[in-house]
Protein backbone atom coordinates (compact mmCIF):
# COMPACT_ATOMS: atom_id res chain seq x y z
CA MET A 1 -5.24 40.20 46.53
CA THR A 2 -4.97 43.28 44.35
CA PHE A 3 -6.11 43.27 40.72
CA ASN A 4 -2.55 43.73 39.45
CA LEU A 5 -1.37 40.73 41.46
CA TRP A 6 -4.35 38.69 40.27
CA ALA A 7 -3.76 39.68 36.65
CA SER A 8 -0.07 38.81 36.83
CA GLN A 9 -0.88 35.40 38.35
CA LEU A 10 -3.47 34.83 35.63
CA LEU A 11 -0.87 35.62 32.96
CA ILE A 12 1.65 33.27 34.57
CA SER A 13 -1.01 30.54 34.78
CA ILE A 14 -1.99 30.89 31.11
CA PHE A 15 1.62 30.65 29.91
CA PHE A 16 2.28 27.70 32.21
CA ILE A 17 -0.70 25.63 31.14
CA ALA A 18 -0.11 26.46 27.46
CA GLY A 19 3.32 24.88 27.72
CA PHE A 20 2.06 22.04 29.90
CA ILE A 21 -0.83 21.07 27.58
CA THR A 22 1.41 21.17 24.50
CA TYR A 23 3.99 18.95 26.20
CA TYR A 24 1.40 16.59 27.71
CA GLU A 25 -0.41 15.99 24.40
CA TRP A 26 2.91 15.25 22.69
CA HIS A 27 3.81 12.82 25.50
CA VAL A 28 0.40 11.14 25.14
CA ARG A 29 0.91 10.58 21.40
CA TRP A 30 4.35 9.11 22.08
CA ALA A 31 3.47 6.96 25.08
CA LEU A 32 -0.12 5.89 24.33
CA GLY A 33 -0.01 5.61 20.56
CA THR A 34 0.04 1.79 20.61
CA ARG A 35 -3.06 -0.31 21.22
CA GLY A 36 -3.36 -4.04 21.75
CA ASP A 37 -0.60 -6.23 23.16
CA LEU A 38 2.25 -4.14 24.57
CA THR A 39 5.96 -4.81 24.69
CA THR A 40 8.03 -4.06 27.78
CA ARG A 41 9.30 -0.87 26.19
CA GLN A 42 5.77 0.28 25.41
CA ARG A 43 4.64 -0.44 28.99
CA LEU A 44 7.51 1.67 30.32
CA ALA A 45 6.51 4.45 27.94
CA ARG A 46 2.96 4.40 29.34
CA LEU A 47 4.28 4.42 32.91
CA SER A 48 6.37 7.50 32.10
CA LEU A 49 3.19 9.54 31.66
CA PRO A 50 1.95 9.43 35.29
CA ALA A 51 5.58 9.60 36.42
CA VAL A 52 6.01 12.99 34.75
CA ILE A 53 2.76 14.23 36.33
CA VAL A 54 3.94 13.10 39.78
CA LEU A 55 7.36 14.74 39.37
CA LEU A 56 5.84 18.02 38.18
CA SER A 57 3.34 17.95 41.07
CA ILE A 58 6.14 17.29 43.56
CA TRP A 59 8.09 20.26 42.15
CA LEU A 60 5.05 22.53 42.50
CA GLN A 61 4.51 21.19 46.01
CA TYR A 62 8.13 21.94 46.90
CA THR A 63 7.72 25.45 45.48
CA THR A 64 4.85 26.11 47.89
CA TYR A 65 7.25 25.49 50.79
CA THR A 66 9.92 27.86 49.45
CA ARG A 67 7.70 30.74 48.23
CA GLU A 68 5.10 31.44 50.84
CA ILE A 69 3.70 34.54 49.12
CA SER A 70 2.45 32.73 45.97
CA VAL A 71 1.41 29.41 47.51
CA PRO A 72 -2.19 29.47 46.10
CA LEU A 73 -0.84 30.19 42.62
CA TYR A 74 1.28 27.03 42.63
CA LEU A 75 -1.52 25.00 44.19
CA ASN A 76 -3.86 26.14 41.41
CA LEU A 77 -1.30 25.09 38.82
CA GLN A 78 -0.84 21.75 40.62
CA LEU A 79 -4.59 21.18 40.63
CA PHE A 80 -4.71 21.76 36.88
CA VAL A 81 -1.69 19.46 36.28
CA LEU A 82 -3.44 16.69 38.23
CA ALA A 83 -6.93 17.25 36.78
CA TYR A 84 -6.22 17.74 33.07
CA PRO A 85 -4.73 14.24 32.46
CA LEU A 86 -7.93 12.66 33.78
CA LEU A 87 -9.68 13.95 30.65
CA ASN A 88 -7.40 11.80 28.46
CA ASP A 89 -9.66 9.24 26.75
CA ARG A 90 -6.71 6.96 25.93
CA LEU A 91 -6.15 5.99 29.57
CA THR A 92 -7.13 2.50 30.66
CA SER A 93 -9.34 2.09 33.74
CA TRP A 94 -6.32 1.26 35.90
CA GLU A 95 -4.37 4.25 34.63
CA PHE A 96 -7.34 6.54 35.21
CA TRP A 97 -7.95 5.49 38.81
CA ILE A 98 -4.24 5.47 39.69
CA GLN A 99 -3.89 9.05 38.42
CA GLY A 100 -7.08 9.93 40.29
CA LEU A 101 -5.62 8.53 43.54
CA ILE A 102 -2.43 10.52 42.96
CA GLY A 103 -4.51 13.68 42.55
CA GLY A 104 -6.50 12.88 45.69
CA LEU A 105 -3.28 12.37 47.64
CA PHE A 106 -1.94 15.81 46.75
CA TRP A 107 -5.39 17.30 47.40
CA PHE A 108 -5.47 16.09 51.00
CA ILE A 109 -1.80 16.94 51.59
CA ASN A 110 -2.65 20.60 50.97
CA HIS A 111 -5.86 20.69 53.02
CA THR A 112 -6.30 20.73 56.80
CA PHE A 113 -7.66 17.38 57.93
CA ILE A 114 -11.20 17.69 59.36
CA PRO A 115 -13.00 14.29 59.54
CA GLU A 116 -16.46 15.57 58.49
CA LEU A 117 -15.01 17.72 55.71
CA PHE A 118 -12.70 14.92 54.56
CA LEU A 119 -15.64 12.51 54.15
CA SER A 120 -17.74 15.04 52.22
CA VAL A 121 -14.90 15.97 49.86
CA ALA A 122 -14.04 12.31 49.30
CA ILE A 123 -17.63 11.53 48.30
CA ILE A 124 -17.72 14.52 45.90
CA LEU A 125 -14.42 13.48 44.30
CA ILE A 126 -15.51 9.84 43.92
CA ILE A 127 -18.80 10.89 42.29
CA GLN A 128 -16.96 13.30 40.01
CA GLY A 129 -14.43 10.56 39.16
CA LEU A 130 -17.23 8.13 38.22
CA MET A 131 -18.95 10.77 36.10
CA LEU A 132 -15.67 11.59 34.41
CA ARG A 133 -14.79 7.93 33.82
CA TYR A 134 -18.04 7.10 32.05
CA PHE A 135 -18.80 10.47 30.36
CA ARG A 136 -15.27 11.59 29.61
CA PRO A 137 -15.70 12.38 25.86
CA ILE A 138 -18.77 14.54 26.64
CA ILE A 139 -16.98 16.36 29.46
CA ARG A 140 -13.82 16.91 27.45
CA TYR A 141 -15.27 18.12 24.16
CA ASN A 142 -18.45 19.98 25.25
CA TRP A 143 -18.14 23.49 26.65
CA TRP A 144 -20.94 23.27 29.19
CA ALA A 145 -19.83 19.87 30.57
CA HIS A 146 -16.17 20.88 30.64
CA LEU A 147 -16.89 24.09 32.55
CA ILE A 148 -19.20 22.32 35.01
CA TYR A 149 -16.39 19.81 35.68
CA ALA A 150 -13.88 22.64 36.20
CA ALA A 151 -16.29 24.66 38.37
CA VAL A 152 -17.14 21.76 40.70
CA LEU A 153 -13.48 20.83 41.02
CA SER A 154 -12.14 24.34 41.66
CA ILE A 155 -14.99 25.44 43.94
CA THR A 156 -14.65 22.28 46.05
CA TYR A 157 -10.88 22.74 46.22
CA TRP A 158 -10.81 26.39 47.20
CA LEU A 159 -13.86 26.44 49.51
CA THR A 160 -12.19 23.74 51.61
CA TYR A 161 -8.79 25.41 51.57
CA LEU A 162 -8.09 27.34 54.76
CA GLY A 163 -5.86 30.39 55.23
CA ILE A 164 -7.19 32.71 52.52
CA ASN A 165 -10.11 35.13 52.39
CA ASP A 166 -13.22 34.86 50.22
CA GLY A 167 -11.92 37.39 47.70
CA GLN A 168 -8.79 35.29 47.12
CA ARG A 169 -10.91 32.13 46.81
CA VAL A 170 -13.03 33.72 44.08
CA GLY A 171 -9.90 35.00 42.33
CA TYR A 172 -8.28 31.56 42.17
CA ILE A 173 -11.54 29.90 41.12
CA VAL A 174 -11.84 32.40 38.25
CA ILE A 175 -8.18 31.78 37.27
CA PHE A 176 -8.82 28.03 37.22
CA MET A 177 -11.97 28.51 35.13
CA ILE A 178 -10.05 30.65 32.61
CA MET A 179 -7.36 27.94 32.43
CA SER A 180 -10.13 25.41 31.81
CA VAL A 181 -11.59 27.56 29.02
CA TYR A 182 -8.16 27.54 27.37
CA SER A 183 -7.79 23.75 27.79
CA CYS A 184 -11.29 23.15 26.42
CA THR A 185 -10.56 25.38 23.40
CA TYR A 186 -7.30 23.53 22.80
CA SER A 187 -8.93 20.11 23.24
CA ASN A 188 -11.73 20.93 20.82
CA ALA A 189 -9.35 22.29 18.19
CA THR A 190 -7.08 19.26 18.57
CA HIS A 191 -10.07 16.91 18.46
CA ARG A 192 -11.39 18.49 15.23
CA ARG A 193 -7.98 18.21 13.57
CA SER A 194 -7.69 14.62 14.76
CA GLU A 195 -11.13 13.76 13.34
CA GLU A 196 -10.28 15.43 10.04
CA ARG A 197 -7.02 13.46 9.84
CA ALA A 198 -8.88 10.26 10.75
CA THR A 199 -11.46 10.93 8.03
CA LEU A 200 -8.79 11.62 5.43
CA THR A 201 -6.81 8.57 6.55
CA ARG A 202 -9.87 6.37 6.30
CA GLU A 203 -10.71 7.73 2.84
CA VAL A 204 -7.17 6.89 1.72
CA ASN A 205 -6.92 3.53 3.50
CA TYR A 206 -10.43 2.16 2.90
CA ASP A 207 -12.58 1.81 -0.17
CA THR A 208 -15.65 3.97 0.43
CA LEU A 209 -18.03 1.62 -1.40
CA THR A 210 -17.09 -1.80 0.00
CA ASN A 211 -15.20 -0.81 3.17
CA ALA A 212 -12.40 -3.16 2.17
CA LYS A 213 -8.89 -1.78 2.51
CA SER A 214 -7.79 0.30 -0.47
CA TYR A 215 -5.06 -0.27 -3.04
CA THR A 216 -2.97 2.44 -1.34
CA LYS A 217 -3.18 0.54 1.95
CA PHE A 218 -2.42 -2.70 0.10
CA LEU A 219 0.83 -1.31 -1.29
CA GLU A 220 1.88 -0.19 2.19
CA GLU A 221 0.83 -3.22 4.25
CA ALA A 222 1.53 -5.94 1.70
CA THR A 223 5.09 -4.68 1.19
CA GLN A 224 5.66 -4.62 4.95
CA LEU A 225 4.20 -8.12 5.39
CA PHE A 226 6.25 -9.46 2.48
CA GLU A 227 9.48 -8.09 3.94
CA GLN A 228 8.57 -9.37 7.41
CA MET A 229 7.73 -12.86 6.16
CA LYS A 230 10.98 -12.99 4.16
CA ARG A 231 13.00 -11.72 7.11
CA ASP A 232 11.46 -14.18 9.59
CA ASN A 233 11.35 -17.02 7.04
CA HIS A 234 7.60 -17.44 7.56
CA PRO A 235 5.08 -18.47 4.89
CA MET A 236 2.44 -16.19 3.42
CA THR A 237 -0.31 -17.01 0.95
CA PHE A 238 -1.27 -14.41 -1.65
CA VAL A 239 -4.75 -14.64 -3.20
CA GLU A 240 -5.95 -12.48 -6.08
CA LEU A 241 -9.58 -12.80 -7.12
CA ASP A 242 -11.70 -11.18 -9.79
CA LEU A 243 -15.51 -11.12 -9.97
CA ASP A 244 -16.51 -12.79 -13.21
CA ASN A 245 -18.42 -10.99 -15.99
CA PHE A 246 -18.59 -7.81 -13.92
CA LYS A 247 -18.67 -5.50 -16.95
CA ALA A 248 -21.59 -7.48 -18.36
CA ILE A 249 -23.46 -7.04 -15.06
CA ASN A 250 -22.90 -3.28 -15.20
CA ASP A 251 -24.00 -3.10 -18.84
CA LYS A 252 -27.08 -5.28 -18.42
CA TYR A 253 -28.37 -4.35 -14.97
CA SER A 254 -26.82 -0.86 -14.33
CA HIS A 255 -23.87 0.37 -12.31
CA LEU A 256 -26.08 0.44 -9.23
CA ALA A 257 -26.47 -3.31 -9.53
CA GLY A 258 -22.72 -3.64 -10.02
CA ASN A 259 -22.10 -1.67 -6.83
CA GLY A 260 -24.46 -3.99 -5.00
CA VAL A 261 -22.53 -7.00 -6.31
CA LEU A 262 -19.25 -5.51 -5.06
CA VAL A 263 -20.66 -4.75 -1.61
CA THR A 264 -22.30 -8.17 -1.28
CA ALA A 265 -19.20 -10.02 -2.41
CA THR A 266 -17.00 -8.05 0.02
CA ARG A 267 -19.39 -8.68 2.91
CA THR A 268 -19.42 -12.39 2.06
CA LEU A 269 -15.64 -12.60 1.91
CA LYS A 270 -15.26 -10.84 5.27
CA ALA A 271 -17.85 -13.08 6.93
CA THR A 272 -16.12 -16.18 5.58
CA LEU A 273 -12.64 -15.00 6.55
CA ASP A 274 -13.87 -14.20 10.07
CA ASP A 275 -14.23 -17.97 10.59
CA TYR A 276 -10.55 -18.44 9.73
CA GLU A 277 -8.38 -18.97 12.82
CA GLY A 278 -5.36 -17.14 11.45
CA SER A 279 -4.91 -13.47 10.58
CA TRP A 280 -6.05 -12.11 7.20
CA GLU A 281 -6.28 -8.89 5.22
CA LEU A 282 -8.73 -8.04 2.43
CA TYR A 283 -8.09 -5.29 -0.13
CA ARG A 284 -9.99 -3.95 -3.12
CA THR A 285 -7.16 -3.34 -5.59
CA GLY A 286 -9.17 -2.46 -8.69
CA GLY A 287 -12.70 -2.27 -10.07
CA GLU A 288 -13.78 -5.86 -9.40
CA GLU A 289 -10.38 -7.14 -8.24
CA PHE A 290 -9.56 -8.07 -4.66
CA VAL A 291 -6.50 -9.40 -2.85
CA ILE A 292 -6.49 -11.56 0.28
CA LEU A 293 -3.28 -11.88 2.30
CA LEU A 294 -2.87 -14.79 4.71
CA PRO A 295 0.37 -14.15 6.64
CA ASN A 296 2.03 -17.04 8.52
CA ALA A 297 -0.07 -19.47 6.48
CA SER A 298 1.33 -22.15 4.18
CA LEU A 299 -0.47 -23.23 1.03
CA GLU A 300 -1.78 -26.36 2.75
CA GLN A 301 -3.20 -24.26 5.59
CA SER A 302 -4.73 -21.73 3.21
CA ILE A 303 -6.46 -23.97 0.66
CA PRO A 304 -9.48 -24.79 2.89
CA ILE A 305 -10.33 -21.13 3.60
CA ILE A 306 -9.73 -20.20 -0.07
CA ARG A 307 -12.15 -22.92 -1.12
CA GLN A 308 -14.67 -21.63 1.42
CA CYS A 309 -14.38 -18.09 0.04
CA TRP A 310 -14.85 -19.35 -3.51
CA ALA A 311 -17.87 -21.48 -2.53
CA ALA A 312 -19.40 -18.68 -0.44
CA ILE A 313 -19.35 -16.27 -3.39
CA ASP A 314 -20.80 -18.95 -5.65
CA ARG A 315 -23.70 -19.44 -3.19
CA ILE A 316 -24.63 -15.74 -3.02
CA ASP A 317 -28.32 -15.20 -3.73
CA TYR A 318 -28.33 -11.64 -5.06
CA HIS A 319 -31.26 -9.86 -6.68
CA HIS A 320 -31.56 -6.44 -8.25
CA ASN A 321 -35.04 -5.16 -9.08
CA ARG A 322 -36.32 -8.71 -8.48
CA GLU A 323 -33.89 -10.12 -11.04
CA ALA A 324 -31.43 -12.77 -9.88
CA ILE A 325 -27.80 -12.01 -10.68
CA GLN A 326 -25.28 -14.82 -10.55
CA ILE A 327 -22.02 -13.89 -8.80
CA THR A 328 -18.88 -15.98 -9.27
CA ALA A 329 -15.18 -15.29 -8.92
CA SER A 330 -11.92 -16.53 -10.39
CA PHE A 331 -8.99 -17.02 -8.01
CA GLY A 332 -5.22 -16.91 -8.55
CA VAL A 333 -3.13 -18.18 -5.65
CA THR A 334 0.57 -18.36 -4.82
CA THR A 335 2.88 -18.17 -1.81
CA VAL A 336 6.01 -16.23 -0.97
CA GLN A 337 9.00 -18.18 -2.28
CA ALA A 338 12.71 -18.08 -1.49
CA GLN A 339 13.68 -16.52 -4.83
CA ASP A 340 11.20 -13.63 -4.51
CA VAL A 341 12.98 -10.29 -4.31
CA VAL A 342 10.05 -7.87 -4.10
CA LEU A 343 6.27 -8.09 -3.64
CA ASP A 344 5.72 -7.80 -7.41
CA ASP A 345 7.27 -11.24 -7.83
CA VAL A 346 4.46 -12.76 -5.76
CA TYR A 347 1.78 -10.51 -7.23
CA GLY A 348 2.87 -11.41 -10.75
CA ARG A 349 2.53 -15.17 -10.09
CA ALA A 350 -0.90 -14.72 -8.55
CA ASP A 351 -1.95 -12.60 -11.54
CA ASP A 352 -0.68 -15.26 -13.94
CA SER A 353 -2.70 -17.91 -12.08
CA LEU A 354 -5.79 -15.70 -12.15
CA TYR A 355 -5.35 -15.44 -15.93
CA VAL A 356 -5.24 -19.26 -16.11
CA SER A 357 -8.50 -19.43 -14.12
CA LYS A 358 -10.09 -17.14 -16.69
CA GLN A 359 -8.78 -19.39 -19.46
CA HIS A 360 -10.46 -22.37 -17.81
CA GLY A 361 -13.86 -20.74 -18.04
CA ARG A 362 -13.81 -18.63 -14.83
CA ASN A 363 -15.31 -19.54 -11.44
CA CYS A 364 -12.36 -21.67 -10.37
CA ILE A 365 -9.15 -21.59 -8.33
CA THR A 366 -5.66 -21.78 -9.86
CA ILE A 367 -2.62 -22.29 -7.66
CA ASP A 368 0.75 -21.54 -9.28
CA GLY A 369 -0.63 -22.39 -12.73
CA LYS A 370 -2.56 -25.55 -11.69
CA THR A 371 -6.34 -25.23 -11.70
CA LEU A 372 -8.41 -27.03 -9.07
CA ASP A 373 -11.65 -28.66 -10.18
CA ALA A 374 -11.58 -27.06 -13.63
CA ASN A 375 -14.81 -27.33 -15.62
CA PRO A 376 -13.94 -29.37 -18.76
CA PHE A 377 -17.05 -28.05 -20.54
CA ALA A 378 -16.34 -24.36 -19.88
CA THR A 379 -16.18 -22.06 -22.88
CA VAL A 380 -12.98 -20.03 -22.93
CA VAL A 381 -12.99 -16.55 -24.40
CA VAL A 382 -9.48 -15.69 -25.55
CA THR A 383 -8.73 -11.96 -25.55
CA HIS A 384 -4.98 -12.17 -26.20
CA THR A 385 -2.41 -14.76 -27.16
CA PHE A 386 1.36 -15.23 -27.10
CA PHE A 387 3.64 -16.73 -29.72
CA THR A 388 7.25 -16.64 -30.83
CA GLN A 389 8.56 -15.34 -34.14
CA PRO A 390 12.03 -16.43 -35.28
CA ILE A 391 14.89 -14.12 -36.18
CA ILE A 392 16.63 -15.61 -39.24
CA LYS A 393 20.22 -15.50 -40.42
CA LEU A 394 19.39 -14.69 -44.05
CA PRO A 395 22.38 -16.26 -45.90
CA THR A 396 21.72 -19.68 -44.36
CA GLN A 397 18.04 -19.16 -43.34
CA GLN A 398 18.84 -20.60 -39.91
CA ILE A 399 16.94 -19.52 -36.77
CA VAL A 400 19.24 -17.63 -34.40
CA CYS A 401 16.67 -16.36 -31.89
CA GLU A 402 12.94 -16.51 -31.03
CA GLU A 403 11.13 -13.29 -30.12
CA LEU A 404 8.22 -13.47 -27.66
CA LEU A 405 5.25 -11.55 -29.11
CA MET A 406 1.62 -10.91 -28.20
CA ARG A 407 -1.56 -10.16 -30.16
CA ILE A 408 -4.91 -8.92 -28.82
CA PHE A 409 -8.36 -9.71 -30.20
CA ASP A 410 -10.15 -6.43 -30.87
CA GLN A 411 -13.21 -5.68 -33.02
CA GLY A 412 -13.21 -9.13 -34.56
CA LYS A 413 -9.52 -9.20 -35.54
CA TRP A 414 -6.17 -10.12 -34.06
CA ARG A 415 -4.18 -6.90 -33.77
CA LEU A 416 -0.77 -5.73 -32.64
CA PRO A 417 -1.12 -4.12 -29.17
CA VAL A 418 -0.49 -0.38 -28.98
CA GLN A 419 2.18 -1.01 -26.36
CA PHE A 420 3.83 -4.28 -25.39
CA ASP A 421 4.17 -3.72 -21.64
CA LEU A 422 3.69 -7.26 -20.37
CA GLY A 423 5.01 -7.64 -16.81
CA ILE A 424 8.48 -9.07 -16.28
CA THR A 425 7.18 -11.83 -14.02
CA THR A 426 4.79 -12.99 -16.76
CA GLN A 427 7.48 -12.79 -19.46
CA VAL A 428 9.92 -14.80 -17.32
CA SER A 429 7.22 -17.39 -16.67
CA LEU A 430 6.49 -17.65 -20.40
CA MET A 431 10.20 -17.97 -21.24
CA GLU A 432 10.61 -20.78 -18.72
CA ARG A 433 7.83 -22.71 -20.46
CA LEU A 434 9.11 -21.93 -23.97
CA LEU A 435 12.65 -23.13 -23.33
CA GLY A 436 11.44 -26.70 -23.04
CA GLU A 437 9.68 -26.52 -26.42
CA LEU A 438 12.04 -24.52 -28.64
CA GLN A 439 15.01 -26.00 -30.50
CA VAL A 440 16.92 -22.71 -30.42
CA LYS A 441 17.47 -21.67 -26.79
CA SER A 442 17.95 -17.97 -27.54
CA LEU A 443 15.07 -15.65 -26.68
CA SER A 444 14.20 -12.02 -27.23
CA ILE A 445 11.64 -10.03 -25.20
CA ASN A 446 10.25 -6.51 -25.46
CA LEU A 447 10.55 -3.87 -22.74
CA THR A 448 9.34 -0.31 -22.44
CA VAL A 449 11.87 2.29 -21.27
CA ASN A 450 10.24 2.29 -17.84
CA GLN A 451 10.57 -1.49 -17.62
CA PHE A 452 14.17 -1.37 -18.87
CA THR A 453 15.17 1.20 -16.22
CA ASN A 454 13.27 -0.47 -13.36
CA GLU A 455 15.63 -1.77 -10.68
CA HIS A 456 13.52 -4.79 -9.83
CA ASN A 457 13.08 -5.79 -13.48
CA CYS A 458 16.83 -5.60 -14.03
CA GLN A 459 17.51 -7.79 -11.00
CA GLN A 460 14.85 -10.31 -12.02
CA LEU A 461 16.17 -10.72 -15.57
CA VAL A 462 19.78 -10.98 -14.38
CA LEU A 463 18.71 -13.63 -11.85
CA PHE A 464 16.74 -15.51 -14.54
CA VAL A 465 19.80 -15.66 -16.80
CA LYS A 466 22.02 -16.88 -13.96
CA GLN A 467 19.56 -19.57 -12.89
CA THR A 468 18.74 -20.83 -16.41
CA PRO A 469 21.78 -22.66 -17.82
CA GLN A 470 19.83 -24.01 -20.83
CA LEU A 471 19.32 -20.43 -22.04
CA HIS A 472 22.00 -19.65 -24.64
CA CYS A 473 21.24 -15.94 -24.98
CA LEU A 474 18.65 -13.39 -23.86
CA THR A 475 18.03 -10.17 -25.76
CA VAL A 476 15.90 -7.27 -24.56
CA GLU A 477 14.40 -5.05 -27.24
CA ILE A 478 13.63 -1.54 -25.98
CA SER A 479 10.56 0.04 -27.56
CA ALA A 480 11.97 3.58 -27.34
CA LEU A 481 15.40 5.14 -27.05
CA PRO A 482 16.26 5.81 -23.36
CA SER A 483 18.26 8.81 -22.25
CA MET A 484 22.05 8.45 -22.43
CA THR A 485 22.27 8.43 -18.63
CA GLN A 486 19.75 5.59 -18.38
CA LEU A 487 21.33 3.65 -21.22
CA GLN A 488 24.81 3.89 -19.76
CA ALA A 489 23.76 2.97 -16.19
CA PHE A 490 21.41 0.10 -16.91
CA GLY A 491 22.98 -1.01 -20.20
CA ARG A 492 26.21 -1.84 -18.40
CA ARG A 493 24.39 -3.99 -15.87
CA TYR A 494 22.39 -5.93 -18.45
CA ARG A 495 25.38 -6.53 -20.71
CA ASN A 496 27.63 -7.55 -17.80
CA ALA A 497 25.10 -10.31 -17.12
CA GLY A 498 25.26 -11.46 -20.75
CA ILE A 499 21.95 -9.86 -21.77
CA ARG A 500 22.01 -8.25 -25.20
CA ILE A 501 20.29 -4.89 -25.86
CA MET A 502 18.57 -3.97 -29.11
CA ILE A 503 16.81 -0.70 -29.94
CA ASP A 504 13.49 -1.46 -31.66
CA ASP A 505 12.31 2.09 -32.30
CA GLU A 506 12.12 2.56 -36.02
CA LEU A 507 9.80 5.60 -35.90
CA LYS A 508 11.81 7.65 -33.40
CA LEU A 509 15.42 6.65 -33.99
CA PRO A 510 17.58 9.50 -35.30
CA GLY A 511 19.13 8.97 -38.69
CA PRO A 512 22.55 7.26 -38.66
CA ASN A 513 24.27 10.55 -39.53
CA ALA A 514 22.30 12.58 -36.99
CA SER A 515 23.36 10.80 -33.81
CA ALA A 516 25.26 7.62 -33.08
CA ASP A 517 26.02 8.35 -29.42
CA PHE A 518 23.89 5.44 -28.18
CA VAL A 519 25.45 2.79 -30.45
CA PRO A 520 28.40 1.83 -28.18
CA TYR A 521 25.97 0.98 -25.38
CA VAL A 522 23.75 -1.42 -27.31
CA ASP A 523 24.24 -4.59 -29.35
CA GLY A 524 22.24 -3.58 -32.35
CA VAL A 525 19.23 -1.92 -33.95
CA LYS A 526 15.99 -3.18 -35.49
CA LEU A 527 14.51 -1.44 -38.52
CA ASN A 528 11.05 -2.12 -39.90
CA LEU A 529 11.21 -2.37 -43.66
CA HIS A 530 7.72 -0.89 -44.15
CA GLN A 531 7.97 1.97 -41.67
CA ILE A 532 11.15 3.66 -42.89
CA LEU A 533 10.49 7.20 -44.05
CA GLY A 534 12.31 8.34 -47.17
CA ASP A 535 14.61 6.34 -49.44
CA THR A 536 14.30 2.87 -47.91
CA SER A 537 17.39 1.30 -49.53
CA PHE A 538 19.61 4.30 -48.78
CA ILE A 539 18.59 4.55 -45.10
CA ILE A 540 19.04 0.81 -44.56
CA GLN A 541 22.52 0.92 -46.13
CA GLU A 542 23.46 3.90 -43.93
CA TRP A 543 22.45 1.99 -40.82
CA GLN A 544 24.17 -1.16 -42.06
CA THR A 545 27.44 0.76 -42.55
CA LEU A 546 27.19 2.29 -39.06
CA MET A 547 26.51 -1.12 -37.49
CA ASN A 548 29.39 -2.76 -39.36
CA ILE A 549 31.85 -0.04 -38.28
CA ASN A 550 30.83 -0.53 -34.62
CA LYS A 551 30.57 -4.32 -34.97
CA LYS A 552 26.90 -4.24 -34.05
CA GLN A 553 23.92 -6.16 -35.37
CA LEU A 554 21.23 -4.84 -37.70
CA ILE A 555 17.97 -6.78 -37.91
CA LEU A 556 15.50 -5.96 -40.69
CA GLU A 557 11.97 -6.80 -39.58
CA GLY A 558 8.77 -6.68 -41.58
CA ILE A 559 9.96 -9.09 -44.31
CA GLU A 560 6.54 -10.19 -45.53
CA SER A 561 7.09 -11.37 -49.12
CA ARG A 562 9.57 -12.81 -51.59
CA GLU A 563 10.27 -9.26 -52.84
CA ASP A 564 11.10 -8.10 -49.32
CA PHE A 565 13.43 -11.05 -48.84
CA GLU A 566 15.26 -10.40 -52.13
CA LEU A 567 15.69 -6.71 -51.26
CA ALA A 568 17.23 -7.66 -47.92
CA GLN A 569 19.66 -10.01 -49.66
CA LYS A 570 20.54 -7.36 -52.23
CA LEU A 571 21.35 -4.88 -49.45
CA GLY A 572 23.55 -7.43 -47.70
CA ILE A 573 21.39 -7.71 -44.59
CA MET A 574 22.53 -10.60 -42.36
CA PHE A 575 19.49 -10.91 -40.07
CA GLY A 576 15.79 -10.62 -40.83
CA GLN A 577 12.38 -11.28 -39.35
CA GLY A 578 8.81 -11.37 -40.62
CA TYR A 579 5.82 -13.37 -41.76
CA TYR A 580 7.73 -14.52 -44.85
CA PHE A 581 9.64 -16.95 -42.60
CA SER A 582 6.95 -17.79 -40.04
CA ARG A 583 3.30 -16.78 -39.75
CA PRO A 584 1.56 -17.69 -36.47
CA VAL A 585 -1.85 -19.34 -36.49
CA MET A 586 -4.09 -17.30 -34.19
CA PRO A 587 -6.80 -19.01 -32.09
CA ARG A 588 -10.09 -19.15 -33.93
CA MET A 589 -12.73 -16.89 -32.38
CA ILE A 590 -16.34 -18.07 -32.55
């Protein structure tokens, strides 16, 4: 064999195996990507892999019969096609040995049968197969092992092949070794990229401190499980838990101690959940907050394991620098219900129940608002509170609506929160409770622009109105002026459901003469008497005129005194709100 012929065959071989390896690795990802129990379709996909190898080998075999000049070239390519798949570490034992038998079959088809030689070659191939089966990762990803494997295989193949001279044998062995160098380079590069992707995936999907699944993974998997449970009409229990007094542990014992608490609590939860017969998922969704999902489990089935998790955390004997640190957790529990539209509906209920557990002194379990084994002597620390403030028809001083409000306890005083962004699920839950206590069945709630333009929030409020016949009227007060596009799109949907829209944005609203484009799409405006810049009486009268022309409602809030009330009457204001009519009594903080 001349050098030119050898070089041309080498070039053909390199191009062939480059295409073959690229195709084979793609086929592997497609056919062998699933682990665990397999469906019929997945089994057929796995069977397609050896089938393709057999068909390609048969084609190369056929080519050797039709092109006598280049027979060794095609046999070398066939040897590579049969040998390379055996390096695949995703093959099961059965798949490995079946492909090995297929390779052996083609080997002996192309070699003259000599009993002594047959037995020797068979022993070499069996030994090499055993070595490959048990040391495959080392052979595939290490240069020296990979080249030894290729050398033994090619030397054995070509030394036992009759009909060619020694120079040709060496030439085809060298070609096979060069093909193996290429495959090893490709395998190592692919393996490094795969490990990098696996590392990045793990960093995204798992919390590096506790090794619980991350919040990102929670959003992905919990949404999928929720949709699956809804679609199949199967139950699922949702557990949210929060380690009690975690900030105090960090402040008193150091963040290192806090990290130890997180790791110990996670390890305890996993060990306890491992005893549960059903499937479960554990996620770290925040600093000291965790979520447990129990798919295909009703509340009755879940309560025992939830109690075990709670008790296991309570029994933890944790020490930091020889100091004992008590670890407890508060639990909020709910299940997927028929009226739930999205995962946030379930999450919101669990969060509400967790809040109730905190109210009952922590270290307890609350299921849909009902606390199990609550400690009657627990001291409750209130950090925020809810109340309603009436909106008054000033001429008659009758209550026409009750607005749901919140105050937070900060630096020793009850203060107005910077932003009222209470979740829709919580606000709906509060409204359901309030309707049984209030004489006037008209309510008003506050939404941010993001909440107002959220598809799920819109659906949930529309559904609440439809399913609550005792509710006379619901008003949403937007804390900032949305864009015209948002106001037109979502305003129509809210108002078609009978939900009124008020703009409560006294610091950012344009003056009545500057822009009135938004007025047709809302039901009114709220102005705060004490936050109007400029001539208060003049600006209020301007807005009143604009509202009257468009048959909209103007509410004057911030009426705190008799003087404020008389000014509102003098200006002809019909609706007002403020501490002059009703001042809430905040919980006393000790």
